[in-house]
Amino acid sequence: MGLVYSEPSCQAAYEGDVHQLYHLLSKDPTQLNVQEEHNGDTPLIAACRHGKLRVVQYLLENRADVQLTNKLQKRRQQEALMKEVLSSNVNIDAVDYKGNTALHYICQRKSHRLVPLLLEKNADTNIQNNDGETPLDIAKRLKFTKIVKMLKKAH
């Protein structure tokens, strides 16, 4: 299903609906840079989040504010939560039904701030998931060079 936004222009951008965006912005131009109350996403961020290139181009052509950011506090909370979990005796290398560890998921999500936290706790970088990929393989495939460097250094 994906994300559900309370701001119609964010939802239209996320869904890739340029026609709906045009209609919304024609009625209310302030919707171009409206920010979602919960996470601070703008229509531009919502479109980027879901990879909607056509919508991104449309928003940029209409001078969407590229300087607006969503609520970075969420990142800080995630880092604090991760530190708290890692301070317990959690199995850092536990795998799910796909064979993924926390390190696999963090690499997939390009969470370069969280990778060092797992590496400090000696997360196993060599575990292969059900697709035969290690966290390093995932980072290489997705071309996350900063994460690739961190994982290679940990080897």
C-alpha atoms as a PDB file:
ATOM      1  CA  MET A   1       0.000   0.000   0.000  1.00  0.00           C
ATOM      2  CA  GLY A   2       2.744   2.448   0.861  1.00  0.00           C
ATOM      3  CA  LEU A   3       2.467   5.688   2.749  1.00  0.00           C
ATOM      4  CA  VAL A   4      -0.791   7.495   3.359  1.00  0.00           C
ATOM      5  CA  TYR A   5      -0.498  11.254   3.652  1.00  0.00           C
ATOM      6  CA  SER A   6      -3.049  13.614   5.187  1.00  0.00           C
ATOM      7  CA  GLU A   7      -2.029  16.384   2.760  1.00  0.00           C
ATOM      8  CA  PRO A   8      -3.673  15.693  -0.620  1.00  0.00           C
ATOM      9  CA  SER A   9      -0.768  17.144  -2.632  1.00  0.00           C
ATOM     10  CA  CYS A  10       1.717  14.911  -0.796  1.00  0.00           C
ATOM     11  CA  GLN A  11      -0.471  11.873  -1.456  1.00  0.00           C
ATOM     12  CA  ALA A  12      -0.867  12.747  -5.140  1.00  0.00           C
ATOM     13  CA  ALA A  13       2.898  13.230  -5.465  1.00  0.00           C
ATOM     14  CA  TYR A  14       3.607   9.941  -3.710  1.00  0.00           C
ATOM     15  CA  GLU A  15       1.185   8.144  -6.016  1.00  0.00           C
ATOM     16  CA  GLY A  16       2.645   9.822  -9.107  1.00  0.00           C
ATOM     17  CA  ASP A  17      -0.617  11.515 -10.061  1.00  0.00           C
ATOM     18  CA  VAL A  18       0.485  14.646 -11.975  1.00  0.00           C
ATOM     19  CA  HIS A  19      -3.094  15.437 -13.051  1.00  0.00           C
ATOM     20  CA  GLN A  20      -4.333  15.465  -9.462  1.00  0.00           C
ATOM     21  CA  LEU A  21      -1.360  17.628  -8.443  1.00  0.00           C
ATOM     22  CA  TYR A  22      -2.140  20.089 -11.238  1.00  0.00           C
ATOM     23  CA  HIS A  23      -5.755  20.267 -10.061  1.00  0.00           C
ATOM     24  CA  LEU A  24      -4.750  20.770  -6.399  1.00  0.00           C
ATOM     25  CA  LEU A  25      -2.132  23.425  -7.189  1.00  0.00           C
ATOM     26  CA  SER A  26      -4.517  25.282  -9.496  1.00  0.00           C
ATOM     27  CA  LYS A  27      -6.965  25.631  -6.612  1.00  0.00           C
ATOM     28  CA  ASP A  28      -4.351  26.371  -3.944  1.00  0.00           C
ATOM     29  CA  PRO A  29      -0.750  27.204  -4.981  1.00  0.00           C
ATOM     30  CA  THR A  30       0.419  26.956  -1.343  1.00  0.00           C
ATOM     31  CA  GLN A  31       0.016  23.184  -1.695  1.00  0.00           C
ATOM     32  CA  LEU A  32       3.261  23.169  -3.701  1.00  0.00           C
ATOM     33  CA  ASN A  33       5.383  23.319  -0.549  1.00  0.00           C
ATOM     34  CA  VAL A  34       2.931  22.137   2.091  1.00  0.00           C
ATOM     35  CA  GLN A  35       4.504  19.976   4.785  1.00  0.00           C
ATOM     36  CA  GLU A  36       2.907  16.882   6.197  1.00  0.00           C
ATOM     37  CA  GLU A  37       2.242  17.405   9.892  1.00  0.00           C
ATOM     38  CA  HIS A  38       3.450  13.967  11.000  1.00  0.00           C
ATOM     39  CA  ASN A  39       6.802  13.668   9.240  1.00  0.00           C
ATOM     40  CA  GLY A  40       7.366  17.009   7.523  1.00  0.00           C
ATOM     41  CA  ASP A  41       7.398  15.544   4.005  1.00  0.00           C
ATOM     42  CA  THR A  42       6.597  17.944   1.185  1.00  0.00           C
ATOM     43  CA  PRO A  43       5.107  16.855  -2.154  1.00  0.00           C
ATOM     44  CA  LEU A  44       8.654  16.873  -3.561  1.00  0.00           C
ATOM     45  CA  ILE A  45       9.953  14.630  -0.778  1.00  0.00           C
ATOM     46  CA  ALA A  46       6.926  12.332  -1.158  1.00  0.00           C
ATOM     47  CA  ALA A  47       7.554  12.000  -4.899  1.00  0.00           C
ATOM     48  CA  CYS A  48      11.247  11.278  -4.318  1.00  0.00           C
ATOM     49  CA  ARG A  49      10.425   8.772  -1.594  1.00  0.00           C
ATOM     50  CA  HIS A  50       8.399   6.719  -4.072  1.00  0.00           C
ATOM     51  CA  GLY A  51      10.629   7.319  -7.117  1.00  0.00           C
ATOM     52  CA  LYS A  52       8.101   9.286  -9.165  1.00  0.00           C
ATOM     53  CA  LEU A  53      10.427  11.056 -11.631  1.00  0.00           C
ATOM     54  CA  ARG A  54       7.643  12.656 -13.684  1.00  0.00           C
ATOM     55  CA  VAL A  55       6.142  14.220 -10.569  1.00  0.00           C
ATOM     56  CA  VAL A  56       9.547  15.401  -9.359  1.00  0.00           C
ATOM     57  CA  GLN A  57      10.138  17.093 -12.709  1.00  0.00           C
ATOM     58  CA  TYR A  58       6.678  18.688 -12.589  1.00  0.00           C
ATOM     59  CA  LEU A  59       7.210  20.002  -9.057  1.00  0.00           C
ATOM     60  CA  LEU A  60      10.647  21.380  -9.899  1.00  0.00           C
ATOM     61  CA  GLU A  61       9.284  23.072 -13.027  1.00  0.00           C
ATOM     62  CA  ASN A  62       6.730  24.757 -10.749  1.00  0.00           C
ATOM     63  CA  ARG A  63       9.506  25.926  -8.425  1.00  0.00           C
ATOM     64  CA  ALA A  64       9.001  23.575  -5.497  1.00  0.00           C
ATOM     65  CA  ASP A  65      11.285  24.585  -2.631  1.00  0.00           C
ATOM     66  CA  VAL A  66      14.194  22.130  -2.682  1.00  0.00           C
ATOM     67  CA  GLN A  67      15.539  23.563   0.579  1.00  0.00           C
ATOM     68  CA  LEU A  68      12.648  22.276   2.689  1.00  0.00           C
ATOM     69  CA  THR A  69      13.481  19.155   4.666  1.00  0.00           C
ATOM     70  CA  ASN A  70      11.345  16.718   6.569  1.00  0.00           C
ATOM     71  CA  LYS A  71      11.638  16.267  10.319  1.00  0.00           C
ATOM     72  CA  LEU A  72      15.231  15.232  10.928  1.00  0.00           C
ATOM     73  CA  GLN A  73      14.327  14.549  14.530  1.00  0.00           C
ATOM     74  CA  LYS A  74      13.076  11.179  13.332  1.00  0.00           C
ATOM     75  CA  ARG A  75      16.621  10.203  12.312  1.00  0.00           C
ATOM     76  CA  ARG A  76      17.938  11.148  15.715  1.00  0.00           C
ATOM     77  CA  GLN A  77      15.200   9.100  17.351  1.00  0.00           C
ATOM     78  CA  GLN A  78      16.072   6.080  15.205  1.00  0.00           C
ATOM     79  CA  GLU A  79      19.727   6.384  16.175  1.00  0.00           C
ATOM     80  CA  ALA A  80      18.817   6.675  19.872  1.00  0.00           C
ATOM     81  CA  LEU A  81      16.501   3.672  19.609  1.00  0.00           C
ATOM     82  CA  MET A  82      19.199   1.645  17.884  1.00  0.00           C
ATOM     83  CA  LYS A  83      21.728   2.518  20.602  1.00  0.00           C
ATOM     84  CA  GLU A  84      19.233   1.484  23.267  1.00  0.00           C
ATOM     85  CA  VAL A  85      18.529  -1.858  21.597  1.00  0.00           C
ATOM     86  CA  LEU A  86      22.225  -2.502  21.077  1.00  0.00           C
ATOM     87  CA  SER A  87      22.951  -1.840  24.744  1.00  0.00           C
ATOM     88  CA  SER A  88      20.879  -4.923  25.609  1.00  0.00           C
ATOM     89  CA  ASN A  89      21.992  -8.480  24.948  1.00  0.00           C
ATOM     90  CA  VAL A  90      20.111  -8.627  21.650  1.00  0.00           C
ATOM     91  CA  ASN A  91      21.291 -11.127  19.021  1.00  0.00           C
ATOM     92  CA  ILE A  92      22.805  -8.643  16.584  1.00  0.00           C
ATOM     93  CA  ASP A  93      22.993 -11.275  13.836  1.00  0.00           C
ATOM     94  CA  ALA A  94      19.437 -12.631  14.108  1.00  0.00           C
ATOM     95  CA  VAL A  95      17.936 -13.366  10.688  1.00  0.00           C
ATOM     96  CA  ASP A  96      14.354 -13.046   9.545  1.00  0.00           C
ATOM     97  CA  TYR A  97      12.403 -15.272   7.145  1.00  0.00           C
ATOM     98  CA  LYS A  98      14.249 -13.656   4.200  1.00  0.00           C
ATOM     99  CA  GLY A  99      17.614 -14.396   5.787  1.00  0.00           C
ATOM    100  CA  ASN A 100      18.227 -10.691   6.396  1.00  0.00           C
ATOM    101  CA  THR A 101      19.929  -9.306   9.470  1.00  0.00           C
ATOM    102  CA  ALA A 102      19.577  -5.785  10.815  1.00  0.00           C
ATOM    103  CA  LEU A 103      22.736  -4.930   8.875  1.00  0.00           C
ATOM    104  CA  HIS A 104      21.114  -6.105   5.620  1.00  0.00           C
ATOM    105  CA  TYR A 105      18.115  -3.828   6.186  1.00  0.00           C
ATOM    106  CA  ILE A 106      20.196  -0.866   7.246  1.00  0.00           C
ATOM    107  CA  CYS A 107      22.276  -1.219   4.075  1.00  0.00           C
ATOM    108  CA  GLN A 108      19.124  -1.445   1.938  1.00  0.00           C
ATOM    109  CA  ARG A 109      17.795   1.753   3.478  1.00  0.00           C
ATOM    110  CA  LYS A 110      21.092   3.613   3.109  1.00  0.00           C
ATOM    111  CA  SER A 111      21.202   4.299   6.837  1.00  0.00           C
ATOM    112  CA  HIS A 112      24.867   5.234   6.879  1.00  0.00           C
ATOM    113  CA  ARG A 113      24.527   6.633  10.426  1.00  0.00           C
ATOM    114  CA  LEU A 114      23.353   3.296  11.785  1.00  0.00           C
ATOM    115  CA  VAL A 115      25.901   1.044  10.058  1.00  0.00           C
ATOM    116  CA  PRO A 116      28.750   2.035  12.420  1.00  0.00           C
ATOM    117  CA  LEU A 117      26.557   1.281  15.446  1.00  0.00           C
ATOM    118  CA  LEU A 118      26.107  -2.300  14.274  1.00  0.00           C
ATOM    119  CA  LEU A 119      29.740  -2.670  13.263  1.00  0.00           C
ATOM    120  CA  GLU A 120      30.855  -1.484  16.713  1.00  0.00           C
ATOM    121  CA  LYS A 121      28.844  -4.386  18.156  1.00  0.00           C
ATOM    122  CA  ASN A 122      30.643  -6.767  15.755  1.00  0.00           C
ATOM    123  CA  ALA A 123      27.711  -7.438  13.450  1.00  0.00           C
ATOM    124  CA  ASP A 124      28.639 -10.239  11.052  1.00  0.00           C
ATOM    125  CA  THR A 125      29.143  -8.702   7.600  1.00  0.00           C
ATOM    126  CA  ASN A 126      29.423 -12.118   5.929  1.00  0.00           C
ATOM    127  CA  ILE A 127      25.921 -13.469   6.534  1.00  0.00           C
ATOM    128  CA  GLN A 128      24.158 -14.200   3.249  1.00  0.00           C
ATOM    129  CA  ASN A 129      20.403 -13.737   2.977  1.00  0.00           C
ATOM    130  CA  ASN A 130      18.110 -16.094   1.035  1.00  0.00           C
ATOM    131  CA  ASP A 131      19.153 -14.315  -2.180  1.00  0.00           C
ATOM    132  CA  GLY A 132      22.809 -15.046  -1.423  1.00  0.00           C
ATOM    133  CA  GLU A 133      23.599 -11.399  -0.686  1.00  0.00           C
ATOM    134  CA  THR A 134      25.709 -10.099   2.160  1.00  0.00           C
ATOM    135  CA  PRO A 135      25.175  -6.548   3.435  1.00  0.00           C
ATOM    136  CA  LEU A 136      28.240  -5.547   1.375  1.00  0.00           C
ATOM    137  CA  ASP A 137      26.686  -7.064  -1.763  1.00  0.00           C
ATOM    138  CA  ILE A 138      23.536  -5.018  -1.176  1.00  0.00           C
ATOM    139  CA  ALA A 139      25.477  -1.788  -0.638  1.00  0.00           C
ATOM    140  CA  LYS A 140      27.499  -2.438  -3.824  1.00  0.00           C
ATOM    141  CA  ARG A 141      24.389  -3.252  -5.876  1.00  0.00           C
ATOM    142  CA  LEU A 142      22.660  -0.079  -4.702  1.00  0.00           C
ATOM    143  CA  LYS A 143      25.864   1.938  -5.204  1.00  0.00           C
ATOM    144  CA  PHE A 144      25.959   3.234  -1.619  1.00  0.00           C
ATOM    145  CA  THR A 145      29.688   3.972  -1.716  1.00  0.00           C
ATOM    146  CA  LYS A 146      29.924   5.372   1.804  1.00  0.00           C
ATOM    147  CA  ILE A 147      28.423   2.185   3.248  1.00  0.00           C
ATOM    148  CA  VAL A 148      30.599   0.017   0.985  1.00  0.00           C
ATOM    149  CA  LYS A 149      33.692   1.718   2.416  1.00  0.00           C
ATOM    150  CA  MET A 150      32.507   1.202   6.003  1.00  0.00           C
ATOM    151  CA  LEU A 151      31.780  -2.487   5.416  1.00  0.00           C
ATOM    152  CA  LYS A 152      35.081  -3.126   3.625  1.00  0.00           C
ATOM    153  CA  LYS A 153      36.949  -1.462   6.457  1.00  0.00           C
ATOM    154  CA  ALA A 154      35.177  -3.749   8.940  1.00  0.00           C
ATOM    155  CA  HIS A 155      36.224  -6.923   7.085  1.00  0.00           C
END
